[in-house]
Amino acid sequence: MSTIIMSQCWPLQGLSVTQKAVLISLADQANDDGVCWPAVGTIAARCCMSPRAVRTAMDHLEVVGLLTRDRRFNSSTVYNVTPAKFDKAAAPSKGTRKAGKSGTASGAGAAPRAGGAPDAGGDAPRAGGDAAGAGLEVRPVPPNHHITTNEPSEEPSSPAGLSAAPPVVDSETELQAACRATWAAYASAYRIRHGVAPVRNAKVNANVKQLVQRLGHAEAPAVAGWFLTVNERYVVQNMHDLGSLLAKCEAYRTQWVTGRQMTATSAQQQDQTQSNANAADEAKAKLRQLREATNAH
């Protein structure tokens, strides 16, 4: 906030409530040189108005010399608040705009105004000798008036040469760090197991991100490195690609925690054990029924 710019903006007259609110909001965020770069959405939220109303107010502020805009492609717009350059006469008055809309269709029958008789076109000169059309000259529209700029959802970082704005906490930083750690663990174990570096492309990066999201930031790197010790036939045939890990990452995580790898052979053995146990339970149940029947007789 610059008290210098704010103190110069408060006394200014001839602005609407919307225009004054936008000007004060910009001044509140500007440095002592009047430079700031807030998002339009931020200004709209602070002033309790729509983004469209903010842009319309900015257009007027630019016409009267209170604001300049430096639009940058795919970046934030830099604003320069210049209260010293305010030209109140530069903006057409409400009466002028109304006259411009209605036109001069009254013709020769228009009533004369104070200060002179009607001219050949039927418009009466105003008091002081000014013609009725005075002040209706076409003013250039500010550059890129109809171009919608992409405003960032968060406050952008400061452009080069400007004072740095307070850092914005990036919610992706922790996820990105976990992805880097996961890939590093996987790539290191892969080189040890296969003697070459693994391929990394967009699909692999997507797999790493999904792995971190499913297993968590803390466990994903450890499971990714441990995965290279798995000797399942399918996994070995696929050279321990990340797609195989991602397909059953929760199951591999359990194996990593318990320290027991579940191969096809061990699964078959456990299945046979369970079958034997089921058969034994059935035999016990039948024997119990026979005993109960014998005791009943």
C-alpha atoms as a PDB file:
ATOM      1  CA  MET A   1       0.000   0.000   0.000  1.00  0.00           C
ATOM      2  CA  SER A   2       1.245   3.463  -0.923  1.00  0.00           C
ATOM      3  CA  THR A   3       0.013   6.299   1.293  1.00  0.00           C
ATOM      4  CA  ILE A   4       1.324   8.745  -1.314  1.00  0.00           C
ATOM      5  CA  ILE A   5      -0.888   7.423  -4.115  1.00  0.00           C
ATOM      6  CA  MET A   6      -3.858   6.914  -1.793  1.00  0.00           C
ATOM      7  CA  SER A   7      -3.680  10.506  -0.500  1.00  0.00           C
ATOM      8  CA  GLN A   8      -3.678  11.772  -4.112  1.00  0.00           C
ATOM      9  CA  CYS A   9      -6.658   9.624  -5.157  1.00  0.00           C
ATOM     10  CA  TRP A  10      -9.082  10.313  -2.296  1.00  0.00           C
ATOM     11  CA  PRO A  11      -9.725  14.027  -3.112  1.00  0.00           C
ATOM     12  CA  LEU A  12     -10.444  13.413  -6.827  1.00  0.00           C
ATOM     13  CA  GLN A  13     -13.956  14.356  -7.956  1.00  0.00           C
ATOM     14  CA  GLY A  14     -16.005  13.649 -11.070  1.00  0.00           C
ATOM     15  CA  LEU A  15     -15.927   9.842 -10.818  1.00  0.00           C
ATOM     16  CA  SER A  16     -18.776   7.437 -10.246  1.00  0.00           C
ATOM     17  CA  VAL A  17     -18.905   5.274  -7.134  1.00  0.00           C
ATOM     18  CA  THR A  18     -17.768   2.232  -9.150  1.00  0.00           C
ATOM     19  CA  GLN A  19     -14.885   4.085 -10.773  1.00  0.00           C
ATOM     20  CA  LYS A  20     -13.739   5.577  -7.459  1.00  0.00           C
ATOM     21  CA  ALA A  21     -13.893   2.165  -5.748  1.00  0.00           C
ATOM     22  CA  VAL A  22     -11.742   0.538  -8.436  1.00  0.00           C
ATOM     23  CA  LEU A  23      -9.269   3.431  -8.333  1.00  0.00           C
ATOM     24  CA  ILE A  24      -8.927   3.240  -4.545  1.00  0.00           C
ATOM     25  CA  SER A  25      -8.508  -0.546  -4.698  1.00  0.00           C
ATOM     26  CA  LEU A  26      -5.678  -0.171  -7.211  1.00  0.00           C
ATOM     27  CA  ALA A  27      -4.056   2.605  -5.181  1.00  0.00           C
ATOM     28  CA  ASP A  28      -4.282   0.444  -2.053  1.00  0.00           C
ATOM     29  CA  GLN A  29      -2.243  -2.283  -3.784  1.00  0.00           C
ATOM     30  CA  ALA A  30       0.213  -0.005  -5.608  1.00  0.00           C
ATOM     31  CA  ASN A  31       3.741   0.896  -4.615  1.00  0.00           C
ATOM     32  CA  ASP A  32       4.971   4.490  -4.269  1.00  0.00           C
ATOM     33  CA  ASP A  33       5.360   4.666  -8.069  1.00  0.00           C
ATOM     34  CA  GLY A  34       1.704   3.733  -8.536  1.00  0.00           C
ATOM     35  CA  VAL A  35       2.506   0.308  -9.983  1.00  0.00           C
ATOM     36  CA  CYS A  36       0.537  -2.837  -9.119  1.00  0.00           C
ATOM     37  CA  TRP A  37      -0.602  -6.056 -10.784  1.00  0.00           C
ATOM     38  CA  PRO A  38      -3.718  -7.450  -9.027  1.00  0.00           C
ATOM     39  CA  ALA A  39      -6.089  -9.833 -10.800  1.00  0.00           C
ATOM     40  CA  VAL A  40      -9.400  -8.415 -11.987  1.00  0.00           C
ATOM     41  CA  GLY A  41     -11.163 -11.078  -9.928  1.00  0.00           C
ATOM     42  CA  THR A  42      -9.389  -9.847  -6.806  1.00  0.00           C
ATOM     43  CA  ILE A  43     -10.461  -6.253  -7.426  1.00  0.00           C
ATOM     44  CA  ALA A  44     -14.032  -7.391  -8.114  1.00  0.00           C
ATOM     45  CA  ALA A  45     -14.167  -9.298  -4.835  1.00  0.00           C
ATOM     46  CA  ARG A  46     -12.757  -6.382  -2.852  1.00  0.00           C
ATOM     47  CA  CYS A  47     -15.180  -3.875  -4.405  1.00  0.00           C
ATOM     48  CA  CYS A  48     -18.233  -6.198  -4.343  1.00  0.00           C
ATOM     49  CA  MET A  49     -18.821  -5.918  -8.086  1.00  0.00           C
ATOM     50  CA  SER A  50     -18.561  -8.063 -11.194  1.00  0.00           C
ATOM     51  CA  PRO A  51     -15.324  -8.414 -13.216  1.00  0.00           C
ATOM     52  CA  ARG A  52     -17.105  -6.808 -16.165  1.00  0.00           C
ATOM     53  CA  ALA A  53     -17.934  -3.735 -14.076  1.00  0.00           C
ATOM     54  CA  VAL A  54     -14.286  -3.548 -12.964  1.00  0.00           C
ATOM     55  CA  ARG A  55     -13.039  -3.598 -16.572  1.00  0.00           C
ATOM     56  CA  THR A  56     -15.583  -0.942 -17.578  1.00  0.00           C
ATOM     57  CA  ALA A  57     -14.425   1.274 -14.715  1.00  0.00           C
ATOM     58  CA  MET A  58     -10.800   0.719 -15.741  1.00  0.00           C
ATOM     59  CA  ASP A  59     -11.628   1.809 -19.284  1.00  0.00           C
ATOM     60  CA  HIS A  60     -12.940   5.118 -17.935  1.00  0.00           C
ATOM     61  CA  LEU A  61      -9.970   5.588 -15.603  1.00  0.00           C
ATOM     62  CA  GLU A  62      -7.652   5.053 -18.543  1.00  0.00           C
ATOM     63  CA  VAL A  63      -9.495   7.619 -20.704  1.00  0.00           C
ATOM     64  CA  VAL A  64      -9.276  10.325 -18.029  1.00  0.00           C
ATOM     65  CA  GLY A  65      -5.589   9.683 -17.416  1.00  0.00           C
ATOM     66  CA  LEU A  66      -5.832   8.033 -14.000  1.00  0.00           C
ATOM     67  CA  LEU A  67      -4.647   4.619 -15.164  1.00  0.00           C
ATOM     68  CA  THR A  68      -2.402   2.987 -17.710  1.00  0.00           C
ATOM     69  CA  ARG A  69      -2.387  -0.737 -18.448  1.00  0.00           C
ATOM     70  CA  ASP A  70       0.465  -2.850 -19.746  1.00  0.00           C
ATOM     71  CA  ARG A  71      -1.190  -6.029 -21.038  1.00  0.00           C
ATOM     72  CA  ARG A  72       1.089  -9.037 -21.317  1.00  0.00           C
ATOM     73  CA  PHE A  73       0.279 -12.257 -23.149  1.00  0.00           C
ATOM     74  CA  ASN A  74      -0.296 -15.201 -20.784  1.00  0.00           C
ATOM     75  CA  SER A  75       0.783 -13.071 -17.858  1.00  0.00           C
ATOM     76  CA  SER A  76      -0.570 -10.515 -15.434  1.00  0.00           C
ATOM     77  CA  THR A  77      -1.559  -7.017 -16.532  1.00  0.00           C
ATOM     78  CA  VAL A  78       0.571  -4.308 -14.914  1.00  0.00           C
ATOM     79  CA  TYR A  79      -1.324  -1.190 -13.853  1.00  0.00           C
ATOM     80  CA  ASN A  80       0.102   2.274 -13.236  1.00  0.00           C
ATOM     81  CA  VAL A  81      -2.097   4.609 -11.166  1.00  0.00           C
ATOM     82  CA  THR A  82      -1.396   8.229 -12.178  1.00  0.00           C
ATOM     83  CA  PRO A  83      -3.593  10.661 -10.179  1.00  0.00           C
ATOM     84  CA  ALA A  84      -1.375  13.585 -11.199  1.00  0.00           C
ATOM     85  CA  LYS A  85      -2.461  13.114 -14.824  1.00  0.00           C
ATOM     86  CA  PHE A  86      -6.205  13.228 -14.073  1.00  0.00           C
ATOM     87  CA  ASP A  87      -8.068  15.168 -16.782  1.00  0.00           C
ATOM     88  CA  LYS A  88     -11.684  15.508 -15.700  1.00  0.00           C
ATOM     89  CA  ALA A  89     -12.609  17.245 -18.946  1.00  0.00           C
ATOM     90  CA  ALA A  90     -11.408  14.274 -20.988  1.00  0.00           C
ATOM     91  CA  ALA A  91     -14.493  12.188 -20.110  1.00  0.00           C
ATOM     92  CA  PRO A  92     -17.822  13.112 -21.827  1.00  0.00           C
ATOM     93  CA  SER A  93     -20.494  14.210 -19.380  1.00  0.00           C
ATOM     94  CA  LYS A  94     -23.756  12.338 -18.902  1.00  0.00           C
ATOM     95  CA  GLY A  95     -25.643  15.088 -20.735  1.00  0.00           C
ATOM     96  CA  THR A  96     -23.257  14.870 -23.676  1.00  0.00           C
ATOM     97  CA  ARG A  97     -23.626  11.102 -23.904  1.00  0.00           C
ATOM     98  CA  LYS A  98     -27.405  11.485 -23.772  1.00  0.00           C
ATOM     99  CA  ALA A  99     -27.320  14.057 -26.541  1.00  0.00           C
ATOM    100  CA  GLY A 100     -25.067  11.818 -28.582  1.00  0.00           C
ATOM    101  CA  LYS A 101     -27.542   8.951 -28.280  1.00  0.00           C
ATOM    102  CA  SER A 102     -30.627  11.034 -29.210  1.00  0.00           C
ATOM    103  CA  GLY A 103     -28.860  12.724 -32.122  1.00  0.00           C
ATOM    104  CA  THR A 104     -29.813  16.040 -33.752  1.00  0.00           C
ATOM    105  CA  ALA A 105     -32.952  14.870 -35.478  1.00  0.00           C
ATOM    106  CA  SER A 106     -34.949  17.870 -34.186  1.00  0.00           C
ATOM    107  CA  GLY A 107     -34.185  19.740 -37.437  1.00  0.00           C
ATOM    108  CA  ALA A 108     -34.819  23.390 -38.170  1.00  0.00           C
ATOM    109  CA  GLY A 109     -37.780  23.501 -35.824  1.00  0.00           C
ATOM    110  CA  ALA A 110     -35.668  23.159 -32.716  1.00  0.00           C
ATOM    111  CA  ALA A 111     -36.185  25.938 -30.177  1.00  0.00           C
ATOM    112  CA  PRO A 112     -33.313  28.445 -29.910  1.00  0.00           C
ATOM    113  CA  ARG A 113     -31.134  28.254 -26.828  1.00  0.00           C
ATOM    114  CA  ALA A 114     -29.898  31.068 -24.649  1.00  0.00           C
ATOM    115  CA  GLY A 115     -27.044  32.888 -26.295  1.00  0.00           C
ATOM    116  CA  GLY A 116     -28.029  32.790 -29.979  1.00  0.00           C
ATOM    117  CA  ALA A 117     -30.407  31.663 -32.709  1.00  0.00           C
ATOM    118  CA  PRO A 118     -30.541  28.166 -34.184  1.00  0.00           C
ATOM    119  CA  ASP A 119     -28.000  27.426 -36.890  1.00  0.00           C
ATOM    120  CA  ALA A 120     -28.703  26.006 -40.331  1.00  0.00           C
ATOM    121  CA  GLY A 121     -28.676  22.477 -38.997  1.00  0.00           C
ATOM    122  CA  GLY A 122     -31.340  23.295 -36.414  1.00  0.00           C
ATOM    123  CA  ASP A 123     -29.091  22.967 -33.304  1.00  0.00           C
ATOM    124  CA  ALA A 124     -28.980  25.996 -31.055  1.00  0.00           C
ATOM    125  CA  PRO A 125     -25.637  27.266 -29.801  1.00  0.00           C
ATOM    126  CA  ARG A 126     -25.117  26.972 -26.080  1.00  0.00           C
ATOM    127  CA  ALA A 127     -24.547  29.780 -23.630  1.00  0.00           C
ATOM    128  CA  GLY A 128     -21.033  31.020 -24.112  1.00  0.00           C
ATOM    129  CA  GLY A 129     -21.018  30.454 -27.872  1.00  0.00           C
ATOM    130  CA  ASP A 130     -20.209  26.723 -27.924  1.00  0.00           C
ATOM    131  CA  ALA A 131     -22.004  24.656 -30.532  1.00  0.00           C
ATOM    132  CA  ALA A 132     -24.362  21.904 -29.387  1.00  0.00           C
ATOM    133  CA  GLY A 133     -22.085  19.266 -30.831  1.00  0.00           C
ATOM    134  CA  ALA A 134     -19.060  20.429 -28.870  1.00  0.00           C
ATOM    135  CA  GLY A 135     -17.494  17.758 -26.718  1.00  0.00           C
ATOM    136  CA  LEU A 136     -18.887  14.904 -28.889  1.00  0.00           C
ATOM    137  CA  GLU A 137     -15.633  14.305 -30.743  1.00  0.00           C
ATOM    138  CA  VAL A 138     -14.745  10.624 -31.087  1.00  0.00           C
ATOM    139  CA  ARG A 139     -12.096   9.596 -28.607  1.00  0.00           C
ATOM    140  CA  PRO A 140      -9.810   6.644 -29.262  1.00  0.00           C
ATOM    141  CA  VAL A 141     -10.688   3.462 -27.438  1.00  0.00           C
ATOM    142  CA  PRO A 142      -7.906   2.202 -25.156  1.00  0.00           C
ATOM    143  CA  PRO A 143      -5.821  -0.504 -26.863  1.00  0.00           C
ATOM    144  CA  ASN A 144      -7.153  -4.052 -26.705  1.00  0.00           C
ATOM    145  CA  HIS A 145     -10.441  -2.736 -25.252  1.00  0.00           C
ATOM    146  CA  HIS A 146     -12.408  -5.755 -26.453  1.00  0.00           C
ATOM    147  CA  ILE A 147      -9.751  -8.361 -25.781  1.00  0.00           C
ATOM    148  CA  THR A 148     -10.472 -10.501 -22.769  1.00  0.00           C
ATOM    149  CA  THR A 149      -7.276 -11.108 -20.877  1.00  0.00           C
ATOM    150  CA  ASN A 150      -6.622 -14.291 -18.969  1.00  0.00           C
ATOM    151  CA  GLU A 151      -6.541 -13.191 -15.361  1.00  0.00           C
ATOM    152  CA  PRO A 152      -4.857 -15.602 -12.942  1.00  0.00           C
ATOM    153  CA  SER A 153      -6.993 -17.071 -10.178  1.00  0.00           C
ATOM    154  CA  GLU A 154      -4.239 -16.261  -7.658  1.00  0.00           C
ATOM    155  CA  GLU A 155      -2.191 -13.124  -7.286  1.00  0.00           C
ATOM    156  CA  PRO A 156       0.638 -13.431  -9.861  1.00  0.00           C
ATOM    157  CA  SER A 157       4.302 -13.121  -9.054  1.00  0.00           C
ATOM    158  CA  SER A 158       5.873  -9.726  -9.502  1.00  0.00           C
ATOM    159  CA  PRO A 159       7.094  -8.839 -13.004  1.00  0.00           C
ATOM    160  CA  ALA A 160      10.729  -8.043 -13.573  1.00  0.00           C
ATOM    161  CA  GLY A 161      11.850  -4.773 -12.097  1.00  0.00           C
ATOM    162  CA  LEU A 162       9.026  -4.523  -9.551  1.00  0.00           C
ATOM    163  CA  SER A 163       9.113  -5.115  -5.851  1.00  0.00           C
ATOM    164  CA  ALA A 164       8.372  -8.711  -4.975  1.00  0.00           C
ATOM    165  CA  ALA A 165       4.873  -9.510  -3.782  1.00  0.00           C
ATOM    166  CA  PRO A 166       4.345 -11.824  -0.795  1.00  0.00           C
ATOM    167  CA  PRO A 167       4.908 -15.439  -1.890  1.00  0.00           C
ATOM    168  CA  VAL A 168       1.815 -17.484  -2.680  1.00  0.00           C
ATOM    169  CA  VAL A 169       1.703 -20.996  -1.233  1.00  0.00           C
ATOM    170  CA  ASP A 170       1.536 -23.455  -4.120  1.00  0.00           C
ATOM    171  CA  SER A 171      -0.609 -26.463  -3.297  1.00  0.00           C
ATOM    172  CA  GLU A 172       1.251 -28.529  -5.910  1.00  0.00           C
ATOM    173  CA  THR A 173       4.701 -28.106  -4.362  1.00  0.00           C
ATOM    174  CA  GLU A 174       4.367 -31.017  -1.922  1.00  0.00           C
ATOM    175  CA  LEU A 175       2.930 -33.299  -4.608  1.00  0.00           C
ATOM    176  CA  GLN A 176       5.728 -32.412  -7.023  1.00  0.00           C
ATOM    177  CA  ALA A 177       8.356 -33.086  -4.368  1.00  0.00           C
ATOM    178  CA  ALA A 178       6.812 -36.498  -3.654  1.00  0.00           C
ATOM    179  CA  CYS A 179       6.757 -37.303  -7.375  1.00  0.00           C
ATOM    180  CA  ARG A 180      10.432 -36.425  -7.709  1.00  0.00           C
ATOM    181  CA  ALA A 181      11.335 -38.593  -4.713  1.00  0.00           C
ATOM    182  CA  THR A 182       9.252 -41.495  -6.058  1.00  0.00           C
ATOM    183  CA  TRP A 183      10.858 -41.348  -9.465  1.00  0.00           C
ATOM    184  CA  ALA A 184      14.356 -41.083  -7.972  1.00  0.00           C
ATOM    185  CA  ALA A 185      13.793 -44.198  -5.819  1.00  0.00           C
ATOM    186  CA  TYR A 186      12.321 -46.151  -8.721  1.00  0.00           C
ATOM    187  CA  ALA A 187      15.020 -45.106 -11.226  1.00  0.00           C
ATOM    188  CA  SER A 188      17.859 -45.929  -8.817  1.00  0.00           C
ATOM    189  CA  ALA A 189      16.485 -49.405  -8.072  1.00  0.00           C
ATOM    190  CA  TYR A 190      15.790 -49.952 -11.767  1.00  0.00           C
ATOM    191  CA  ARG A 191      19.439 -49.278 -12.695  1.00  0.00           C
ATOM    192  CA  ILE A 192      20.604 -51.737 -10.043  1.00  0.00           C
ATOM    193  CA  ARG A 193      18.179 -54.452 -11.196  1.00  0.00           C
ATOM    194  CA  HIS A 194      18.410 -54.038 -14.992  1.00  0.00           C
ATOM    195  CA  GLY A 195      21.658 -52.127 -15.536  1.00  0.00           C
ATOM    196  CA  VAL A 196      20.039 -49.312 -17.529  1.00  0.00           C
ATOM    197  CA  ALA A 197      18.029 -46.217 -16.764  1.00  0.00           C
ATOM    198  CA  PRO A 198      14.240 -46.511 -17.129  1.00  0.00           C
ATOM    199  CA  VAL A 199      12.400 -44.657 -19.871  1.00  0.00           C
ATOM    200  CA  ARG A 200      10.692 -41.468 -18.766  1.00  0.00           C
ATOM    201  CA  ASN A 201       7.931 -39.844 -20.794  1.00  0.00           C
ATOM    202  CA  ALA A 202       4.537 -38.216 -20.310  1.00  0.00           C
ATOM    203  CA  LYS A 203       2.850 -41.562 -19.606  1.00  0.00           C
ATOM    204  CA  VAL A 204       5.462 -42.472 -16.997  1.00  0.00           C
ATOM    205  CA  ASN A 205       5.098 -39.076 -15.326  1.00  0.00           C
ATOM    206  CA  ALA A 206       1.344 -39.580 -15.145  1.00  0.00           C
ATOM    207  CA  ASN A 207       1.863 -43.028 -13.579  1.00  0.00           C
ATOM    208  CA  VAL A 208       4.202 -41.567 -10.958  1.00  0.00           C
ATOM    209  CA  LYS A 209       1.665 -38.883 -10.051  1.00  0.00           C
ATOM    210  CA  GLN A 210      -1.153 -41.437  -9.724  1.00  0.00           C
ATOM    211  CA  LEU A 211       1.073 -43.667  -7.607  1.00  0.00           C
ATOM    212  CA  VAL A 212       1.780 -40.813  -5.180  1.00  0.00           C
ATOM    213  CA  GLN A 213      -1.885 -39.892  -5.013  1.00  0.00           C
ATOM    214  CA  ARG A 214      -2.936 -43.479  -4.271  1.00  0.00           C
ATOM    215  CA  LEU A 215      -0.209 -44.451  -1.782  1.00  0.00           C
ATOM    216  CA  GLY A 216       0.534 -41.105  -0.209  1.00  0.00           C
ATOM    217  CA  HIS A 217       3.571 -38.838  -0.232  1.00  0.00           C
ATOM    218  CA  ALA A 218       5.428 -40.744   2.484  1.00  0.00           C
ATOM    219  CA  GLU A 219       5.050 -44.359   1.272  1.00  0.00           C
ATOM    220  CA  ALA A 220       5.080 -43.997  -2.528  1.00  0.00           C
ATOM    221  CA  PRO A 221       8.899 -43.583  -2.868  1.00  0.00           C
ATOM    222  CA  ALA A 222       9.606 -46.609  -0.631  1.00  0.00           C
ATOM    223  CA  VAL A 223       7.133 -48.847  -2.462  1.00  0.00           C
ATOM    224  CA  ALA A 224       8.469 -47.730  -5.855  1.00  0.00           C
ATOM    225  CA  GLY A 225      12.029 -48.671  -4.873  1.00  0.00           C
ATOM    226  CA  TRP A 226      10.954 -51.962  -3.276  1.00  0.00           C
ATOM    227  CA  PHE A 227       8.969 -52.923  -6.377  1.00  0.00           C
ATOM    228  CA  LEU A 228      12.210 -53.777  -8.223  1.00  0.00           C
ATOM    229  CA  THR A 229      12.718 -56.735  -5.843  1.00  0.00           C
ATOM    230  CA  VAL A 230       9.442 -58.348  -6.933  1.00  0.00           C
ATOM    231  CA  ASN A 231      10.002 -61.584  -8.884  1.00  0.00           C
ATOM    232  CA  GLU A 232       6.499 -62.321 -10.115  1.00  0.00           C
ATOM    233  CA  ARG A 233       6.583 -63.791 -13.591  1.00  0.00           C
ATOM    234  CA  TYR A 234       4.332 -61.146 -15.093  1.00  0.00           C
ATOM    235  CA  VAL A 235       6.304 -58.299 -13.493  1.00  0.00           C
ATOM    236  CA  VAL A 236       9.681 -59.687 -14.556  1.00  0.00           C
ATOM    237  CA  GLN A 237       8.464 -60.195 -18.126  1.00  0.00           C
ATOM    238  CA  ASN A 238       7.370 -56.556 -18.215  1.00  0.00           C
ATOM    239  CA  MET A 239      10.773 -55.458 -16.870  1.00  0.00           C
ATOM    240  CA  HIS A 240       9.191 -53.928 -13.751  1.00  0.00           C
ATOM    241  CA  ASP A 241       7.435 -51.162 -15.650  1.00  0.00           C
ATOM    242  CA  LEU A 242       5.487 -48.619 -13.634  1.00  0.00           C
ATOM    243  CA  GLY A 243       2.221 -49.719 -15.219  1.00  0.00           C
ATOM    244  CA  SER A 244       2.550 -53.098 -13.498  1.00  0.00           C
ATOM    245  CA  LEU A 245       3.195 -51.401 -10.166  1.00  0.00           C
ATOM    246  CA  LEU A 246       0.289 -48.991 -10.599  1.00  0.00           C
ATOM    247  CA  ALA A 247      -2.125 -51.815 -11.497  1.00  0.00           C
ATOM    248  CA  LYS A 248      -1.797 -53.368  -8.008  1.00  0.00           C
ATOM    249  CA  CYS A 249      -0.018 -50.687  -6.008  1.00  0.00           C
ATOM    250  CA  GLU A 250      -2.161 -51.183  -2.881  1.00  0.00           C
ATOM    251  CA  ALA A 251      -1.411 -54.921  -2.852  1.00  0.00           C
ATOM    252  CA  TYR A 252       2.298 -54.270  -3.365  1.00  0.00           C
ATOM    253  CA  ARG A 253       2.201 -51.735  -0.565  1.00  0.00           C
ATOM    254  CA  THR A 254       0.861 -54.433   1.784  1.00  0.00           C
ATOM    255  CA  GLN A 255       3.595 -56.818   0.689  1.00  0.00           C
ATOM    256  CA  TRP A 256       6.192 -54.118   1.306  1.00  0.00           C
ATOM    257  CA  VAL A 257       4.837 -53.437   4.815  1.00  0.00           C
ATOM    258  CA  THR A 258       4.633 -57.120   5.782  1.00  0.00           C
ATOM    259  CA  GLY A 259       7.869 -58.123   4.055  1.00  0.00           C
ATOM    260  CA  ARG A 260       6.157 -61.054   2.295  1.00  0.00           C
ATOM    261  CA  GLN A 261       5.997 -61.223  -1.473  1.00  0.00           C
ATOM    262  CA  MET A 262       2.957 -62.974  -2.880  1.00  0.00           C
ATOM    263  CA  THR A 263       4.034 -65.001  -5.930  1.00  0.00           C
ATOM    264  CA  ALA A 264       1.841 -67.275  -8.005  1.00  0.00           C
ATOM    265  CA  THR A 265       3.338 -70.331  -6.303  1.00  0.00           C
ATOM    266  CA  SER A 266       2.814 -68.995  -2.783  1.00  0.00           C
ATOM    267  CA  ALA A 267      -0.713 -67.965  -3.696  1.00  0.00           C
ATOM    268  CA  GLN A 268      -1.385 -71.478  -5.015  1.00  0.00           C
ATOM    269  CA  GLN A 269       0.018 -72.995  -1.854  1.00  0.00           C
ATOM    270  CA  GLN A 270      -2.167 -70.789   0.314  1.00  0.00           C
ATOM    271  CA  ASP A 271      -5.140 -71.635  -1.844  1.00  0.00           C
ATOM    272  CA  GLN A 272      -4.437 -75.365  -1.375  1.00  0.00           C
ATOM    273  CA  THR A 273      -4.009 -74.856   2.359  1.00  0.00           C
ATOM    274  CA  GLN A 274      -7.336 -73.079   2.520  1.00  0.00           C
ATOM    275  CA  SER A 275      -8.960 -75.862   0.502  1.00  0.00           C
ATOM    276  CA  ASN A 276      -7.605 -78.479   2.916  1.00  0.00           C
ATOM    277  CA  ALA A 277      -8.843 -76.425   5.857  1.00  0.00           C
ATOM    278  CA  ASN A 278     -12.295 -76.149   4.296  1.00  0.00           C
ATOM    279  CA  ALA A 279     -12.367 -79.916   3.675  1.00  0.00           C
ATOM    280  CA  ALA A 280     -11.361 -80.561   7.277  1.00  0.00           C
ATOM    281  CA  ASP A 281     -14.099 -78.246   8.549  1.00  0.00           C
ATOM    282  CA  GLU A 282     -16.678 -80.043   6.430  1.00  0.00           C
ATOM    283  CA  ALA A 283     -15.517 -83.447   7.738  1.00  0.00           C
ATOM    284  CA  LYS A 284     -15.732 -82.218  11.318  1.00  0.00           C
ATOM    285  CA  ALA A 285     -19.215 -80.896  10.708  1.00  0.00           C
ATOM    286  CA  LYS A 286     -20.401 -84.241   9.269  1.00  0.00           C
ATOM    287  CA  LEU A 287     -18.835 -86.180  12.143  1.00  0.00           C
ATOM    288  CA  ARG A 288     -20.597 -83.895  14.610  1.00  0.00           C
ATOM    289  CA  GLN A 289     -23.919 -84.507  12.882  1.00  0.00           C
ATOM    290  CA  LEU A 290     -23.409 -88.301  13.029  1.00  0.00           C
ATOM    291  CA  ARG A 291     -22.656 -88.140  16.728  1.00  0.00           C
ATOM    292  CA  GLU A 292     -25.713 -86.023  17.394  1.00  0.00           C
ATOM    293  CA  ALA A 293     -27.886 -88.479  15.422  1.00  0.00           C
ATOM    294  CA  THR A 294     -26.451 -91.461  17.328  1.00  0.00           C
ATOM    295  CA  ASN A 295     -27.009 -89.831  20.703  1.00  0.00           C
ATOM    296  CA  ALA A 296     -30.579 -89.012  19.725  1.00  0.00           C
ATOM    297  CA  HIS A 297     -31.357 -92.718  19.205  1.00  0.00           C
END
